[in-house]
Amino acid sequence: MRTNAEPSPRTGGARDAAPRTRAEATISVRDSKAEPYDQAGGPALMEVRIRETFSGDIEGESTVRALQAQRDDHSACLVSLQRVRGRLAGRQGTFILQGSEIVEGGQIRATWSVVPGSGTGQLAGLRGEGGFEGRFGEGSHGTLDYWFE
């Protein structure tokens, strides 16, 4: 973990320069299932269900629900919500991540942010943003730059 007091580029520095800590984790998919819900003309719309495990500065499990637009070349874009249950830097609780993902050439890139007010237990007041990158079938490397309000 690393602490950083720079303002967020996503918020244009609007947040005071409160210290942020970077958590790093390996994310492994335990299982996933995709079901089409609209295939009428153009990219297919799918609902994706994923169960993941986090190891590193974030330890725990999550359940993900994503909506995906999948093109004929198997590239896709997704929006997701997931609840992470476990520990962040030794603090126990849960929190929700809201994500935006792009899939191209067997790789996935994502950005995510902690849903304000979603932290429970010792993670109450958690805020943050980050993302992950990886190849399908391999563990992804994720980061979360976080702070507590």
N, C-alpha and C. Protein backbone atom coordinates (compact mmCIF):
# COMPACT_ATOMS: atom_id res chain seq x y z
N MET A 1 0.84 -1.17 0.00
CA MET A 1 0.00 0.00 0.00
C MET A 1 0.88 1.24 0.00
N ARG A 2 0.36 2.27 -0.65
CA ARG A 2 1.10 3.51 -0.76
C ARG A 2 0.14 4.65 -0.45
N THR A 3 0.62 5.67 0.27
CA THR A 3 -0.21 6.83 0.58
C THR A 3 0.17 7.97 -0.34
N ASN A 4 -0.84 8.73 -0.75
CA ASN A 4 -0.65 9.78 -1.73
C ASN A 4 -1.60 10.91 -1.36
N ALA A 5 -1.13 12.14 -1.36
CA ALA A 5 -1.98 13.26 -0.99
C ALA A 5 -2.38 14.12 -2.18
N GLU A 6 -2.20 13.62 -3.41
CA GLU A 6 -2.56 14.41 -4.58
C GLU A 6 -4.07 14.39 -4.77
N PRO A 7 -4.64 15.51 -5.27
CA PRO A 7 -6.07 15.52 -5.55
C PRO A 7 -6.39 14.61 -6.73
N SER A 8 -7.60 14.18 -6.80
CA SER A 8 -8.04 13.26 -7.84
C SER A 8 -8.14 13.95 -9.18
N PRO A 9 -7.55 13.34 -10.25
CA PRO A 9 -7.73 13.92 -11.58
C PRO A 9 -9.18 13.78 -12.05
N ARG A 10 -9.92 12.79 -11.57
CA ARG A 10 -11.31 12.59 -11.99
C ARG A 10 -12.21 13.67 -11.43
N THR A 11 -11.89 14.21 -10.28
CA THR A 11 -12.74 15.22 -9.68
C THR A 11 -12.19 16.63 -9.91
N GLY A 12 -11.12 16.73 -10.71
CA GLY A 12 -10.55 18.03 -11.00
C GLY A 12 -9.94 18.67 -9.78
N GLY A 13 -9.59 17.89 -8.78
CA GLY A 13 -8.95 18.43 -7.59
C GLY A 13 -9.94 19.05 -6.62
N ALA A 14 -11.22 18.81 -6.84
CA ALA A 14 -12.23 19.42 -5.98
C ALA A 14 -12.14 18.93 -4.55
N ARG A 15 -11.71 17.70 -4.37
CA ARG A 15 -11.57 17.15 -3.03
C ARG A 15 -10.32 17.74 -2.40
N ASP A 16 -10.39 18.10 -1.15
CA ASP A 16 -9.19 18.57 -0.46
C ASP A 16 -8.11 17.52 -0.59
N ALA A 17 -6.88 17.92 -0.45
CA ALA A 17 -5.75 17.03 -0.64
C ALA A 17 -5.59 16.06 0.54
N ALA A 18 -6.69 15.42 0.93
CA ALA A 18 -6.64 14.41 1.99
C ALA A 18 -5.84 13.22 1.47
N PRO A 19 -5.07 12.57 2.31
CA PRO A 19 -4.25 11.46 1.84
C PRO A 19 -5.10 10.30 1.32
N ARG A 20 -4.60 9.72 0.25
CA ARG A 20 -5.18 8.52 -0.32
C ARG A 20 -4.19 7.39 -0.12
N THR A 21 -4.73 6.22 -0.03
CA THR A 21 -3.88 5.04 0.06
C THR A 21 -4.21 4.16 -1.13
N ARG A 22 -3.18 3.61 -1.76
CA ARG A 22 -3.40 2.70 -2.89
C ARG A 22 -3.35 1.27 -2.40
N ALA A 23 -4.44 0.55 -2.63
CA ALA A 23 -4.51 -0.88 -2.37
C ALA A 23 -4.33 -1.60 -3.71
N GLU A 24 -3.56 -2.68 -3.69
CA GLU A 24 -3.37 -3.50 -4.88
C GLU A 24 -3.83 -4.91 -4.58
N ALA A 25 -4.43 -5.54 -5.58
CA ALA A 25 -4.95 -6.89 -5.37
C ALA A 25 -4.93 -7.67 -6.67
N THR A 26 -4.85 -8.98 -6.54
CA THR A 26 -5.06 -9.89 -7.66
C THR A 26 -6.51 -10.33 -7.59
N ILE A 27 -7.17 -10.30 -8.74
CA ILE A 27 -8.59 -10.65 -8.81
C ILE A 27 -8.71 -11.91 -9.66
N SER A 28 -9.30 -12.94 -9.09
CA SER A 28 -9.50 -14.21 -9.80
C SER A 28 -10.99 -14.48 -9.94
N VAL A 29 -11.40 -14.85 -11.14
CA VAL A 29 -12.80 -15.20 -11.39
C VAL A 29 -13.02 -16.64 -10.97
N ARG A 30 -13.97 -16.85 -10.06
CA ARG A 30 -14.31 -18.20 -9.61
C ARG A 30 -15.28 -18.86 -10.57
N ASP A 31 -16.27 -18.11 -11.03
CA ASP A 31 -17.17 -18.59 -12.07
C ASP A 31 -17.91 -17.42 -12.68
N SER A 32 -18.43 -17.63 -13.89
CA SER A 32 -19.19 -16.59 -14.57
C SER A 32 -20.23 -17.23 -15.48
N LYS A 33 -21.28 -16.45 -15.72
CA LYS A 33 -22.36 -16.92 -16.58
C LYS A 33 -22.94 -15.70 -17.30
N ALA A 34 -23.12 -15.82 -18.61
CA ALA A 34 -23.71 -14.73 -19.40
C ALA A 34 -24.98 -15.25 -20.07
N GLU A 35 -26.04 -14.45 -19.98
CA GLU A 35 -27.31 -14.81 -20.61
C GLU A 35 -27.79 -13.64 -21.45
N PRO A 36 -28.15 -13.89 -22.72
CA PRO A 36 -28.68 -12.82 -23.55
C PRO A 36 -30.07 -12.40 -23.07
N TYR A 37 -30.37 -11.11 -23.18
CA TYR A 37 -31.73 -10.66 -22.89
C TYR A 37 -32.30 -9.83 -24.03
N ASP A 38 -31.48 -9.46 -25.02
CA ASP A 38 -31.98 -8.75 -26.21
C ASP A 38 -30.96 -8.95 -27.33
N GLN A 39 -31.37 -9.66 -28.37
CA GLN A 39 -30.47 -9.93 -29.50
C GLN A 39 -31.04 -9.39 -30.80
N ALA A 40 -31.98 -8.48 -30.72
CA ALA A 40 -32.65 -7.94 -31.90
C ALA A 40 -31.82 -6.83 -32.53
N GLY A 41 -31.11 -7.14 -33.60
CA GLY A 41 -30.38 -6.13 -34.37
C GLY A 41 -29.25 -5.48 -33.61
N GLY A 42 -28.06 -5.55 -34.16
CA GLY A 42 -26.90 -4.92 -33.55
C GLY A 42 -26.29 -5.79 -32.47
N PRO A 43 -25.42 -5.22 -31.66
CA PRO A 43 -24.76 -6.00 -30.60
C PRO A 43 -25.78 -6.65 -29.65
N ALA A 44 -25.48 -7.87 -29.25
CA ALA A 44 -26.33 -8.58 -28.30
C ALA A 44 -26.20 -7.96 -26.92
N LEU A 45 -27.31 -7.82 -26.24
CA LEU A 45 -27.30 -7.35 -24.86
C LEU A 45 -27.36 -8.56 -23.94
N MET A 46 -26.43 -8.60 -22.99
CA MET A 46 -26.28 -9.74 -22.10
C MET A 46 -26.30 -9.29 -20.65
N GLU A 47 -26.76 -10.19 -19.77
CA GLU A 47 -26.58 -10.02 -18.33
C GLU A 47 -25.49 -10.99 -17.91
N VAL A 48 -24.48 -10.49 -17.22
CA VAL A 48 -23.33 -11.30 -16.82
C VAL A 48 -23.30 -11.39 -15.30
N ARG A 49 -23.12 -12.61 -14.80
CA ARG A 49 -22.99 -12.85 -13.35
C ARG A 49 -21.62 -13.46 -13.10
N ILE A 50 -20.89 -12.86 -12.17
CA ILE A 50 -19.51 -13.27 -11.90
C ILE A 50 -19.30 -13.37 -10.40
N ARG A 51 -18.54 -14.38 -9.98
CA ARG A 51 -18.07 -14.46 -8.59
C ARG A 51 -16.55 -14.38 -8.64
N GLU A 52 -15.98 -13.48 -7.82
CA GLU A 52 -14.54 -13.22 -7.83
C GLU A 52 -13.94 -13.38 -6.43
N THR A 53 -12.64 -13.59 -6.42
CA THR A 53 -11.85 -13.60 -5.19
C THR A 53 -10.76 -12.54 -5.32
N PHE A 54 -10.56 -11.77 -4.25
CA PHE A 54 -9.51 -10.76 -4.19
C PHE A 54 -8.43 -11.23 -3.22
N SER A 55 -7.16 -11.04 -3.59
CA SER A 55 -6.07 -11.32 -2.66
C SER A 55 -5.03 -10.21 -2.78
N GLY A 56 -4.45 -9.86 -1.65
CA GLY A 56 -3.49 -8.75 -1.59
C GLY A 56 -3.95 -7.77 -0.54
N ASP A 57 -3.87 -6.46 -0.83
CA ASP A 57 -4.34 -5.45 0.12
C ASP A 57 -5.85 -5.52 0.30
N ILE A 58 -6.55 -6.03 -0.70
CA ILE A 58 -7.98 -6.32 -0.59
C ILE A 58 -8.09 -7.84 -0.54
N GLU A 59 -8.68 -8.36 0.53
CA GLU A 59 -8.86 -9.81 0.71
C GLU A 59 -10.35 -10.08 0.82
N GLY A 60 -10.87 -10.93 -0.03
CA GLY A 60 -12.28 -11.26 0.10
C GLY A 60 -12.88 -11.78 -1.18
N GLU A 61 -14.20 -11.70 -1.23
CA GLU A 61 -14.95 -12.20 -2.37
C GLU A 61 -15.95 -11.15 -2.81
N SER A 62 -16.39 -11.27 -4.06
CA SER A 62 -17.42 -10.36 -4.54
C SER A 62 -18.36 -11.08 -5.49
N THR A 63 -19.56 -10.54 -5.56
CA THR A 63 -20.52 -10.96 -6.56
C THR A 63 -20.74 -9.77 -7.47
N VAL A 64 -20.72 -10.03 -8.78
CA VAL A 64 -20.82 -8.97 -9.79
C VAL A 64 -22.05 -9.21 -10.64
N ARG A 65 -22.75 -8.14 -10.96
CA ARG A 65 -23.79 -8.17 -11.98
C ARG A 65 -23.42 -7.09 -12.98
N ALA A 66 -23.34 -7.51 -14.25
CA ALA A 66 -22.97 -6.57 -15.30
C ALA A 66 -23.94 -6.66 -16.46
N LEU A 67 -24.14 -5.56 -17.13
CA LEU A 67 -24.86 -5.52 -18.39
C LEU A 67 -23.83 -5.29 -19.48
N GLN A 68 -23.91 -6.10 -20.53
CA GLN A 68 -22.87 -6.11 -21.56
C GLN A 68 -23.48 -5.96 -22.94
N ALA A 69 -22.85 -5.17 -23.78
CA ALA A 69 -23.15 -5.11 -25.21
C ALA A 69 -22.00 -5.82 -25.91
N GLN A 70 -22.31 -6.98 -26.53
CA GLN A 70 -21.26 -7.80 -27.16
C GLN A 70 -21.41 -7.73 -28.68
N ARG A 71 -20.33 -7.29 -29.34
CA ARG A 71 -20.32 -7.17 -30.79
C ARG A 71 -19.96 -8.51 -31.44
N ASP A 72 -20.17 -8.61 -32.74
CA ASP A 72 -19.89 -9.85 -33.47
C ASP A 72 -18.43 -10.28 -33.37
N ASP A 73 -17.49 -9.32 -33.22
CA ASP A 73 -16.06 -9.67 -33.12
C ASP A 73 -15.67 -10.07 -31.69
N HIS A 74 -16.66 -10.23 -30.80
CA HIS A 74 -16.50 -10.62 -29.39
C HIS A 74 -15.90 -9.52 -28.51
N SER A 75 -15.72 -8.31 -29.06
CA SER A 75 -15.38 -7.19 -28.19
C SER A 75 -16.67 -6.76 -27.50
N ALA A 76 -16.53 -6.06 -26.38
CA ALA A 76 -17.73 -5.71 -25.61
C ALA A 76 -17.46 -4.52 -24.71
N CYS A 77 -18.56 -3.92 -24.26
CA CYS A 77 -18.48 -2.93 -23.20
C CYS A 77 -19.50 -3.34 -22.15
N LEU A 78 -19.16 -3.05 -20.88
CA LEU A 78 -20.01 -3.45 -19.77
C LEU A 78 -20.12 -2.32 -18.76
N VAL A 79 -21.21 -2.34 -18.02
CA VAL A 79 -21.35 -1.54 -16.80
C VAL A 79 -21.69 -2.53 -15.70
N SER A 80 -21.16 -2.30 -14.50
CA SER A 80 -21.31 -3.31 -13.46
C SER A 80 -21.47 -2.69 -12.07
N LEU A 81 -22.03 -3.52 -11.18
CA LEU A 81 -22.05 -3.27 -9.74
C LEU A 81 -21.59 -4.54 -9.07
N GLN A 82 -20.78 -4.40 -8.03
CA GLN A 82 -20.35 -5.58 -7.27
C GLN A 82 -20.18 -5.22 -5.81
N ARG A 83 -20.56 -6.16 -4.95
CA ARG A 83 -20.36 -5.99 -3.51
C ARG A 83 -19.13 -6.81 -3.12
N VAL A 84 -18.16 -6.14 -2.54
CA VAL A 84 -16.95 -6.80 -2.06
C VAL A 84 -17.12 -7.05 -0.56
N ARG A 85 -16.91 -8.31 -0.15
CA ARG A 85 -17.02 -8.71 1.26
C ARG A 85 -15.65 -9.17 1.72
N GLY A 86 -15.10 -8.53 2.76
CA GLY A 86 -13.80 -8.97 3.24
C GLY A 86 -13.06 -7.88 3.98
N ARG A 87 -11.77 -7.78 3.67
CA ARG A 87 -10.89 -6.83 4.36
C ARG A 87 -10.18 -5.93 3.37
N LEU A 88 -10.04 -4.68 3.77
CA LEU A 88 -9.24 -3.71 3.04
C LEU A 88 -8.25 -3.15 4.05
N ALA A 89 -6.98 -3.43 3.85
CA ALA A 89 -5.93 -2.95 4.77
C ALA A 89 -6.24 -3.34 6.22
N GLY A 90 -6.75 -4.56 6.42
CA GLY A 90 -7.02 -5.07 7.76
C GLY A 90 -8.35 -4.66 8.34
N ARG A 91 -9.11 -3.82 7.64
CA ARG A 91 -10.44 -3.40 8.11
C ARG A 91 -11.49 -4.31 7.50
N GLN A 92 -12.37 -4.84 8.34
CA GLN A 92 -13.41 -5.79 7.91
C GLN A 92 -14.69 -5.05 7.54
N GLY A 93 -15.35 -5.50 6.48
CA GLY A 93 -16.65 -4.94 6.10
C GLY A 93 -16.98 -5.26 4.65
N THR A 94 -17.92 -4.49 4.11
CA THR A 94 -18.30 -4.63 2.71
C THR A 94 -18.34 -3.25 2.08
N PHE A 95 -18.29 -3.23 0.75
CA PHE A 95 -18.48 -2.00 -0.01
C PHE A 95 -18.88 -2.37 -1.42
N ILE A 96 -19.47 -1.41 -2.14
CA ILE A 96 -19.92 -1.64 -3.50
C ILE A 96 -19.06 -0.84 -4.47
N LEU A 97 -18.63 -1.52 -5.55
CA LEU A 97 -17.90 -0.88 -6.63
C LEU A 97 -18.82 -0.76 -7.85
N GLN A 98 -18.80 0.41 -8.47
CA GLN A 98 -19.50 0.64 -9.72
C GLN A 98 -18.44 0.69 -10.81
N GLY A 99 -18.60 -0.13 -11.87
CA GLY A 99 -17.55 -0.24 -12.87
C GLY A 99 -18.00 0.02 -14.29
N SER A 100 -17.01 0.27 -15.12
CA SER A 100 -17.17 0.41 -16.56
C SER A 100 -16.02 -0.36 -17.20
N GLU A 101 -16.34 -1.34 -18.04
CA GLU A 101 -15.33 -2.24 -18.57
C GLU A 101 -15.36 -2.27 -20.09
N ILE A 102 -14.18 -2.48 -20.69
CA ILE A 102 -14.03 -2.65 -22.14
C ILE A 102 -13.29 -3.96 -22.37
N VAL A 103 -13.81 -4.79 -23.28
CA VAL A 103 -13.18 -6.06 -23.64
C VAL A 103 -12.77 -5.98 -25.10
N GLU A 104 -11.48 -6.23 -25.37
CA GLU A 104 -10.96 -6.26 -26.73
C GLU A 104 -9.79 -7.22 -26.80
N GLY A 105 -9.77 -8.07 -27.82
CA GLY A 105 -8.65 -8.97 -28.04
C GLY A 105 -8.32 -9.87 -26.86
N GLY A 106 -9.33 -10.33 -26.14
CA GLY A 106 -9.10 -11.22 -25.00
C GLY A 106 -8.63 -10.52 -23.75
N GLN A 107 -8.57 -9.20 -23.77
CA GLN A 107 -8.17 -8.43 -22.59
C GLN A 107 -9.34 -7.60 -22.10
N ILE A 108 -9.33 -7.36 -20.79
CA ILE A 108 -10.35 -6.50 -20.19
C ILE A 108 -9.66 -5.37 -19.43
N ARG A 109 -10.18 -4.15 -19.61
CA ARG A 109 -9.72 -2.96 -18.89
C ARG A 109 -10.93 -2.34 -18.22
N ALA A 110 -10.77 -1.94 -16.99
CA ALA A 110 -11.92 -1.42 -16.25
C ALA A 110 -11.53 -0.25 -15.37
N THR A 111 -12.50 0.62 -15.16
CA THR A 111 -12.38 1.64 -14.12
C THR A 111 -13.54 1.39 -13.17
N TRP A 112 -13.32 1.73 -11.90
CA TRP A 112 -14.39 1.56 -10.92
C TRP A 112 -14.27 2.62 -9.85
N SER A 113 -15.37 2.81 -9.12
CA SER A 113 -15.37 3.73 -7.99
C SER A 113 -16.26 3.13 -6.90
N VAL A 114 -15.91 3.48 -5.67
CA VAL A 114 -16.71 3.03 -4.53
C VAL A 114 -18.00 3.85 -4.51
N VAL A 115 -19.14 3.17 -4.41
CA VAL A 115 -20.43 3.85 -4.32
C VAL A 115 -20.48 4.55 -2.97
N PRO A 116 -20.65 5.89 -2.95
CA PRO A 116 -20.70 6.61 -1.68
C PRO A 116 -21.78 6.05 -0.76
N GLY A 117 -21.42 5.89 0.52
CA GLY A 117 -22.36 5.40 1.52
C GLY A 117 -22.53 3.89 1.53
N SER A 118 -21.76 3.16 0.71
CA SER A 118 -21.94 1.71 0.63
C SER A 118 -21.07 0.92 1.61
N GLY A 119 -20.10 1.55 2.24
CA GLY A 119 -19.22 0.84 3.16
C GLY A 119 -19.93 0.45 4.45
N THR A 120 -19.66 -0.77 4.92
CA THR A 120 -20.24 -1.24 6.18
C THR A 120 -19.13 -1.66 7.12
N GLY A 121 -19.49 -1.86 8.40
CA GLY A 121 -18.52 -2.30 9.39
C GLY A 121 -17.38 -1.30 9.50
N GLN A 122 -16.16 -1.81 9.54
CA GLN A 122 -14.98 -0.94 9.66
C GLN A 122 -14.67 -0.21 8.35
N LEU A 123 -15.45 -0.48 7.30
CA LEU A 123 -15.26 0.20 6.01
C LEU A 123 -16.30 1.29 5.78
N ALA A 124 -17.07 1.64 6.82
CA ALA A 124 -18.03 2.75 6.72
C ALA A 124 -17.26 4.02 6.39
N GLY A 125 -17.80 4.82 5.47
CA GLY A 125 -17.16 6.07 5.07
C GLY A 125 -16.13 5.90 3.97
N LEU A 126 -15.96 4.67 3.46
CA LEU A 126 -14.97 4.42 2.41
C LEU A 126 -15.35 5.13 1.13
N ARG A 127 -14.37 5.76 0.50
CA ARG A 127 -14.50 6.35 -0.84
C ARG A 127 -13.28 5.92 -1.62
N GLY A 128 -13.36 5.93 -2.94
CA GLY A 128 -12.19 5.58 -3.73
C GLY A 128 -12.51 5.32 -5.17
N GLU A 129 -11.43 5.15 -5.95
CA GLU A 129 -11.54 4.87 -7.37
C GLU A 129 -10.29 4.12 -7.82
N GLY A 130 -10.44 3.39 -8.88
CA GLY A 130 -9.32 2.62 -9.40
C GLY A 130 -9.75 1.84 -10.61
N GLY A 131 -9.26 0.60 -10.70
CA GLY A 131 -9.62 -0.24 -11.83
C GLY A 131 -8.76 -1.47 -11.89
N PHE A 132 -8.87 -2.18 -13.01
CA PHE A 132 -8.07 -3.38 -13.20
C PHE A 132 -7.86 -3.64 -14.67
N GLU A 133 -6.86 -4.49 -14.95
CA GLU A 133 -6.55 -4.95 -16.30
C GLU A 133 -6.19 -6.41 -16.22
N GLY A 134 -6.50 -7.14 -17.27
CA GLY A 134 -6.10 -8.54 -17.30
C GLY A 134 -6.51 -9.22 -18.58
N ARG A 135 -6.08 -10.47 -18.71
CA ARG A 135 -6.46 -11.34 -19.82
C ARG A 135 -7.41 -12.38 -19.28
N PHE A 136 -8.36 -12.79 -20.10
CA PHE A 136 -9.30 -13.81 -19.68
C PHE A 136 -8.55 -15.10 -19.35
N GLY A 137 -8.97 -15.76 -18.26
CA GLY A 137 -8.34 -16.99 -17.83
C GLY A 137 -7.12 -16.79 -16.95
N GLU A 138 -6.72 -15.55 -16.72
CA GLU A 138 -5.60 -15.23 -15.85
C GLU A 138 -6.09 -14.28 -14.76
N GLY A 139 -5.36 -14.18 -13.68
CA GLY A 139 -5.71 -13.22 -12.63
C GLY A 139 -5.49 -11.81 -13.13
N SER A 140 -6.38 -10.91 -12.77
CA SER A 140 -6.26 -9.50 -13.13
C SER A 140 -5.58 -8.75 -11.99
N HIS A 141 -4.88 -7.67 -12.34
CA HIS A 141 -4.27 -6.80 -11.34
C HIS A 141 -5.15 -5.59 -11.15
N GLY A 142 -5.62 -5.38 -9.90
CA GLY A 142 -6.49 -4.26 -9.62
C GLY A 142 -5.90 -3.30 -8.61
N THR A 143 -6.33 -2.05 -8.69
CA THR A 143 -5.92 -1.04 -7.72
C THR A 143 -7.16 -0.28 -7.25
N LEU A 144 -7.06 0.23 -6.03
CA LEU A 144 -8.09 1.09 -5.47
C LEU A 144 -7.38 2.17 -4.67
N ASP A 145 -7.49 3.43 -5.14
CA ASP A 145 -6.98 4.58 -4.39
C ASP A 145 -8.13 5.04 -3.50
N TYR A 146 -7.97 4.91 -2.19
CA TYR A 146 -9.11 5.12 -1.29
C TYR A 146 -8.77 6.06 -0.15
N TRP A 147 -9.85 6.52 0.50
CA TRP A 147 -9.78 7.34 1.69
C TRP A 147 -11.07 7.14 2.46
N PHE A 148 -11.13 7.66 3.65
CA PHE A 148 -12.34 7.58 4.47
C PHE A 148 -12.85 8.98 4.76
N GLU A 149 -14.15 9.14 4.65
CA GLU A 149 -14.77 10.43 4.96
C GLU A 149 -15.17 10.49 6.41
